[in-house]
Amino acid sequence: MDQPIQVNRAGTVVLGLGYATLIPDNGVTALKVADVDGVRLAGFLIDAGPVNSATLLEVGPRGASTDHSANPTTVQDVFVRIGGAGAGKATTSMVINSRHTIVDHTWIWRADHGTGVGWDTNRADYGIVVNGDDVLATGLFVEHFNKYDVQWYGQRGRTIFFQNEKAYDAPNQAAIQNGSVKGYAAYKVGDAVTTHEGWGLGSYCYYNVNPSIVQHHGFSAPNTPGVKFHDLLVVSLGGQGQYERVINETGAPTSGTSTIPSTVVSYP
C-alpha cells in the first residue's frame, strides 16, 4: 500500500475475508477512519512494513470530539503485527481518537519470534494510544513493545480483560529505563485522567535475554478516586526478570522462579 485506506463515510464496513493483510509501503499509515458514526472494522491484519510508519491504524483524527454514543465505531478481531513475518517497524500501532469507540478482541503484537525480530530490528515503541473519551476495550491483548504497550489519555475509558507480556528481548536495564523509573508500564493511564476503570488486567515478564532486568510496576495511573482497577496481577515467568510492584507503589514484588503472581484485588 503506497497510501492509506481512508474511510470517510459513516456506516462503512471494512471486513477482511480470510484475514486479509494490509502492508503499508514507505512508512504510510495503513488505514485511517474519519470522525464519523458507526464504522465497522473487523477481521483483518495489519503487518508493519520495513520502513517505519508513525502509525498503522488511526480511528479519528487528532482532536476528534464528536459524540458517537448512539452509533460508535467498532474495531473487532483486528490484529496488528510488527515483525514475525519479515522486518517491520512502527512507532505506534493503533491510535483511537474518536469518542465512544469500542475495541473488541484485538491483538497488537510486536513479534518475539519469527523472521525480522530483534530489539531494534522490529522497533515499535508503543502499542495502542487512546486519546478519545468514553472508549471501551474488551479483550485487549498488547505485547512486547519497546516502551509503553498501552497509553490511555481519554476520560471515562474502560477496559474489561487485558493481557500483556513485556518485551522478551530487552538487552539490559538501560534499554528499558524510563527516566528514574525501572521500565515502562504495560498499561499507563495519563496523569490528567480523572475517570477510568479496568477489570481483570495482567502483565507478565520474561526477560530471557537478560534475566537481571527489573520492572518497577506493570500498571501506572493517577492516584485519584475516579481511577479504579479491579483484579490486577503481574507475574515473572520462571524468574526471568522481576516486578517490584503491581500498580504505582502498590502490590508485593514478584520473586523466585516459581511463576507465582502478585495481585491487587482493588485499587485504590
Protein backbone atom coordinates (compact mmCIF):
# COMPACT_ATOMS: atom_id res chain seq x y z
CA MET A 1 0.00 0.00 0.00
CA ASP A 2 1.52 3.32 -1.06
CA GLN A 3 -1.23 5.36 0.63
CA PRO A 4 -3.71 4.78 3.45
CA ILE A 5 -7.16 3.32 3.06
CA GLN A 6 -9.24 6.34 4.05
CA VAL A 7 -12.72 5.68 5.47
CA ASN A 8 -14.77 8.88 5.35
CA ARG A 9 -18.37 7.68 5.14
CA ALA A 10 -20.47 6.92 8.22
CA GLY A 11 -21.64 3.33 8.47
CA THR A 12 -18.84 1.90 6.32
CA VAL A 13 -17.98 -1.77 6.92
CA VAL A 14 -14.37 -2.88 6.36
CA LEU A 15 -14.44 -6.66 6.70
CA GLY A 16 -11.50 -8.91 5.88
CA LEU A 17 -12.18 -12.33 4.37
CA GLY A 18 -9.67 -15.00 5.38
CA TYR A 19 -7.84 -12.42 7.48
CA ALA A 20 -6.88 -10.06 4.70
CA THR A 21 -3.47 -8.49 5.36
CA LEU A 22 -2.62 -4.82 4.84
CA ILE A 23 1.10 -3.98 4.48
CA PRO A 24 2.00 -0.28 4.22
CA ASP A 25 4.87 0.84 1.99
CA ASN A 26 7.24 3.73 2.57
CA GLY A 27 6.07 4.43 6.12
CA VAL A 28 2.43 5.30 5.43
CA THR A 29 -0.47 4.55 7.78
CA ALA A 30 -2.41 1.51 6.58
CA LEU A 31 -5.92 2.69 7.47
CA LYS A 32 -7.45 5.95 8.68
CA VAL A 33 -11.05 6.50 9.78
CA ALA A 34 -12.68 9.93 9.82
CA ASP A 35 -14.58 11.14 12.89
CA VAL A 36 -17.91 9.71 11.69
CA ASP A 37 -20.58 7.42 13.14
CA GLY A 38 -20.82 3.67 13.00
CA VAL A 39 -17.78 2.46 11.07
CA ARG A 40 -17.17 -1.29 11.44
CA LEU A 41 -13.60 -2.59 11.20
CA ALA A 42 -13.29 -6.37 11.53
CA GLY A 43 -11.37 -9.46 10.57
CA PHE A 44 -8.09 -8.22 9.13
CA LEU A 45 -4.40 -8.00 9.95
CA ILE A 46 -2.07 -5.03 9.56
CA ASP A 47 1.55 -6.06 9.05
CA ALA A 48 4.12 -3.28 9.50
CA GLY A 49 6.36 -2.65 6.51
CA PRO A 50 10.17 -2.37 6.54
CA VAL A 51 10.08 1.46 6.52
CA ASN A 52 8.92 2.84 9.86
CA SER A 53 5.30 4.02 10.00
CA ALA A 54 4.37 6.65 12.57
CA THR A 55 1.04 4.81 13.00
CA LEU A 56 -0.61 1.77 11.42
CA LEU A 57 -4.29 2.32 12.27
CA GLU A 58 -5.96 5.60 13.25
CA VAL A 59 -9.60 5.88 14.31
CA GLY A 60 -10.48 9.55 14.07
CA PRO A 61 -8.07 12.45 13.57
CA ARG A 62 -6.24 14.04 16.46
CA GLY A 63 -8.60 16.31 18.39
CA ALA A 64 -11.74 14.39 17.35
CA SER A 65 -14.61 15.37 19.64
CA THR A 66 -17.91 14.30 18.02
CA ASP A 67 -20.34 12.42 20.27
CA HIS A 68 -20.75 8.90 18.85
CA SER A 69 -22.60 7.40 21.81
CA ALA A 70 -25.65 6.48 19.70
CA ASN A 71 -23.61 4.75 16.97
CA PRO A 72 -19.97 4.14 17.90
CA THR A 73 -17.23 2.86 15.63
CA THR A 74 -16.12 -0.69 16.44
CA VAL A 75 -12.74 -2.38 15.98
CA GLN A 76 -13.27 -6.16 16.28
CA ASP A 77 -10.91 -9.04 15.57
CA VAL A 78 -8.36 -6.63 14.11
CA PHE A 79 -4.77 -7.69 14.67
CA VAL A 80 -1.56 -5.69 14.26
CA ARG A 81 1.86 -7.30 13.85
CA ILE A 82 5.32 -5.75 13.78
CA GLY A 83 7.90 -8.29 12.64
CA GLY A 84 7.49 -12.05 12.71
CA ALA A 85 6.73 -12.50 9.03
CA GLY A 86 9.55 -10.16 8.00
CA ALA A 87 11.21 -6.93 9.06
CA GLY A 88 8.72 -4.28 10.12
CA LYS A 89 8.72 -1.07 12.16
CA ALA A 90 6.08 1.30 13.53
CA THR A 91 6.31 3.93 16.23
CA THR A 92 2.69 3.47 17.36
CA SER A 93 0.49 0.62 16.17
CA MET A 94 -3.03 1.85 16.88
CA VAL A 95 -4.40 5.29 17.81
CA ILE A 96 -8.00 5.77 18.93
CA ASN A 97 -9.05 9.42 18.77
CA SER A 98 -12.82 9.12 18.17
CA ARG A 99 -15.06 9.17 21.22
CA HIS A 100 -17.09 6.08 22.23
CA THR A 101 -15.05 3.69 20.06
CA ILE A 102 -15.36 0.01 21.04
CA VAL A 103 -12.21 -2.10 20.67
CA ASP A 104 -13.05 -5.79 20.98
CA HIS A 105 -10.76 -8.84 20.81
CA THR A 106 -7.77 -7.07 19.37
CA TRP A 107 -4.21 -8.41 19.43
CA ILE A 108 -1.46 -5.83 18.94
CA TRP A 109 1.85 -7.66 18.77
CA ARG A 110 5.48 -6.76 18.38
CA ALA A 111 6.91 -10.13 17.41
CA ASP A 112 9.10 -12.03 19.85
CA HIS A 113 9.81 -14.85 17.38
CA GLY A 114 9.79 -15.49 13.66
CA THR A 115 11.55 -13.53 10.91
CA GLY A 116 12.78 -9.97 11.32
CA VAL A 117 12.89 -9.96 15.12
CA GLY A 118 15.31 -8.03 17.34
CA TRP A 119 15.30 -5.17 19.84
CA ASP A 120 15.90 -2.63 17.07
CA THR A 121 15.11 -4.81 14.03
CA ASN A 122 11.35 -4.63 14.61
CA ARG A 123 11.37 -1.47 16.68
CA ALA A 124 7.91 -0.49 17.89
CA ASP A 125 7.80 1.85 20.88
CA TYR A 126 4.05 2.00 21.56
CA GLY A 127 1.17 -0.43 21.13
CA ILE A 128 -2.15 1.40 21.46
CA VAL A 129 -2.74 5.04 22.37
CA VAL A 130 -6.26 6.09 23.36
CA ASN A 131 -6.90 9.83 23.18
CA GLY A 132 -10.68 9.72 22.73
CA ASP A 133 -13.11 9.95 25.65
CA ASP A 134 -15.58 7.19 26.58
CA VAL A 135 -13.67 4.40 24.80
CA LEU A 136 -14.35 0.77 25.78
CA ALA A 137 -11.86 -2.08 25.26
CA THR A 138 -12.92 -5.69 25.78
CA GLY A 139 -10.39 -8.46 25.29
CA LEU A 140 -7.33 -6.29 24.71
CA PHE A 141 -4.07 -8.12 24.02
CA VAL A 142 -0.93 -5.96 23.63
CA GLU A 143 2.54 -7.47 23.80
CA HIS A 144 6.29 -6.85 23.62
CA PHE A 145 6.53 -3.15 22.77
CA ASN A 146 9.81 -1.37 23.35
CA LYS A 147 8.21 1.23 25.64
CA TYR A 148 4.54 1.55 26.69
CA ASP A 149 2.17 -1.15 25.50
CA VAL A 150 -0.98 0.85 26.35
CA GLN A 151 -1.29 4.60 26.90
CA TRP A 152 -4.74 5.93 27.81
CA TYR A 153 -5.32 9.68 27.83
CA GLY A 154 -9.08 9.89 27.23
CA GLN A 155 -11.57 10.37 30.04
CA ARG A 156 -14.03 7.69 31.20
CA GLY A 157 -12.17 4.86 29.50
CA ARG A 158 -12.93 1.25 30.43
CA THR A 159 -11.05 -1.99 29.86
CA ILE A 160 -12.51 -5.42 30.51
CA PHE A 161 -9.72 -8.02 30.32
CA PHE A 162 -6.20 -7.04 29.32
CA GLN A 163 -3.31 -9.42 28.65
CA ASN A 164 0.26 -8.25 28.29
CA GLU A 165 3.79 -9.52 28.14
CA LYS A 166 6.71 -7.12 28.28
CA ALA A 167 9.32 -7.40 25.53
CA TYR A 168 11.46 -10.54 25.93
CA ASP A 169 14.43 -9.15 24.13
CA ALA A 170 15.48 -6.07 26.13
CA PRO A 171 19.27 -6.31 26.19
CA ASN A 172 19.81 -4.62 29.56
CA GLN A 173 18.24 -2.40 32.23
CA ALA A 174 19.32 0.80 30.49
CA ALA A 175 17.41 -0.15 27.34
CA ILE A 176 14.06 -0.05 29.15
CA GLN A 177 14.79 2.71 31.66
CA ASN A 178 12.03 5.35 31.79
CA GLY A 179 13.81 8.29 33.37
CA SER A 180 14.13 7.37 37.04
CA VAL A 181 11.59 4.54 36.72
CA LYS A 182 12.68 0.98 36.01
CA GLY A 183 10.86 0.11 32.82
CA TYR A 184 7.74 1.36 31.07
CA ALA A 185 4.41 0.23 32.50
CA ALA A 186 2.40 -2.19 30.40
CA TYR A 187 -0.70 -0.03 30.92
CA LYS A 188 -0.30 3.69 31.51
CA VAL A 189 -3.21 6.00 32.34
CA GLY A 190 -2.34 9.64 31.66
CA ASP A 191 -1.71 11.99 34.57
CA ALA A 192 -4.62 14.28 33.60
CA VAL A 193 -7.22 11.48 33.54
CA THR A 194 -9.78 11.74 36.34
CA THR A 195 -12.09 8.82 35.49
CA HIS A 196 -11.03 5.39 34.25
CA GLU A 197 -11.82 1.80 35.21
CA GLY A 198 -10.38 -1.61 34.44
CA TRP A 199 -11.33 -5.19 35.32
CA GLY A 200 -9.09 -8.25 35.01
CA LEU A 201 -5.74 -6.89 33.83
CA GLY A 202 -2.47 -8.81 33.83
CA SER A 203 1.14 -8.25 32.79
CA TYR A 204 4.00 -10.71 32.84
CA CYS A 205 7.68 -10.53 32.11
CA TYR A 206 10.11 -13.00 30.59
CA TYR A 207 13.38 -11.14 30.15
CA ASN A 208 15.24 -14.18 28.89
CA VAL A 209 17.98 -12.19 27.15
CA ASN A 210 18.89 -10.55 30.47
CA PRO A 211 17.09 -12.07 33.49
CA SER A 212 18.59 -9.46 35.83
CA ILE A 213 16.22 -6.78 34.46
CA VAL A 214 13.78 -5.30 36.98
CA GLN A 215 10.43 -3.80 36.00
CA HIS A 216 9.15 -1.35 38.63
CA HIS A 217 5.44 -1.97 38.01
CA GLY A 218 3.02 -3.34 35.45
CA PHE A 219 0.47 -0.52 35.76
CA SER A 220 0.75 3.23 36.20
CA ALA A 221 -2.20 5.54 36.88
CA PRO A 222 -3.14 8.74 38.69
CA ASN A 223 -3.88 8.19 42.36
CA THR A 224 -7.38 9.66 42.30
CA PRO A 225 -10.75 8.21 43.40
CA GLY A 226 -12.19 8.18 39.88
CA VAL A 227 -9.44 5.94 38.50
CA LYS A 228 -10.22 2.39 39.61
CA PHE A 229 -8.85 -1.07 38.92
CA HIS A 230 -10.16 -4.49 39.89
CA ASP A 231 -8.21 -7.77 39.88
CA LEU A 232 -4.74 -6.84 38.69
CA LEU A 233 -1.74 -9.13 38.54
CA VAL A 234 1.89 -9.21 37.49
CA VAL A 235 3.99 -12.34 37.22
CA SER A 236 7.58 -13.27 36.39
CA LEU A 237 7.80 -16.37 34.21
CA GLY A 238 10.39 -18.63 35.80
CA GLY A 239 12.25 -15.74 37.39
CA GLN A 240 13.30 -14.23 34.05
CA GLY A 241 13.20 -10.65 35.35
CA GLN A 242 11.05 -9.38 38.21
CA TYR A 243 8.46 -6.73 39.10
CA GLU A 244 8.87 -4.51 42.16
CA ARG A 245 5.18 -3.53 42.38
CA VAL A 246 1.84 -4.21 40.67
CA ILE A 247 0.43 -0.69 40.21
CA ASN A 248 2.19 2.54 41.12
CA GLU A 249 3.73 1.81 44.55
CA THR A 250 1.14 -0.82 45.50
CA GLY A 251 1.45 -4.60 45.46
CA ALA A 252 4.09 -7.08 46.55
CA PRO A 253 7.16 -7.72 44.40
CA THR A 254 7.49 -10.91 42.40
CA SER A 255 10.38 -13.16 43.35
CA GLY A 256 11.98 -16.53 42.72
CA THR A 257 11.40 -18.92 39.83
CA SER A 258 8.01 -20.38 40.74
CA THR A 259 5.88 -18.15 38.46
CA ILE A 260 3.61 -17.04 41.29
CA PRO A 261 1.63 -13.88 40.50
CA SER A 262 1.48 -10.81 42.69
CA THR A 263 -2.06 -9.48 42.81
CA VAL A 264 -4.02 -6.38 43.74
CA VAL A 265 -7.74 -7.06 44.11
CA SER A 266 -8.85 -3.43 44.17
CA TYR A 267 -7.12 -0.09 43.56
CA PRO A 268 -7.05 2.45 45.04
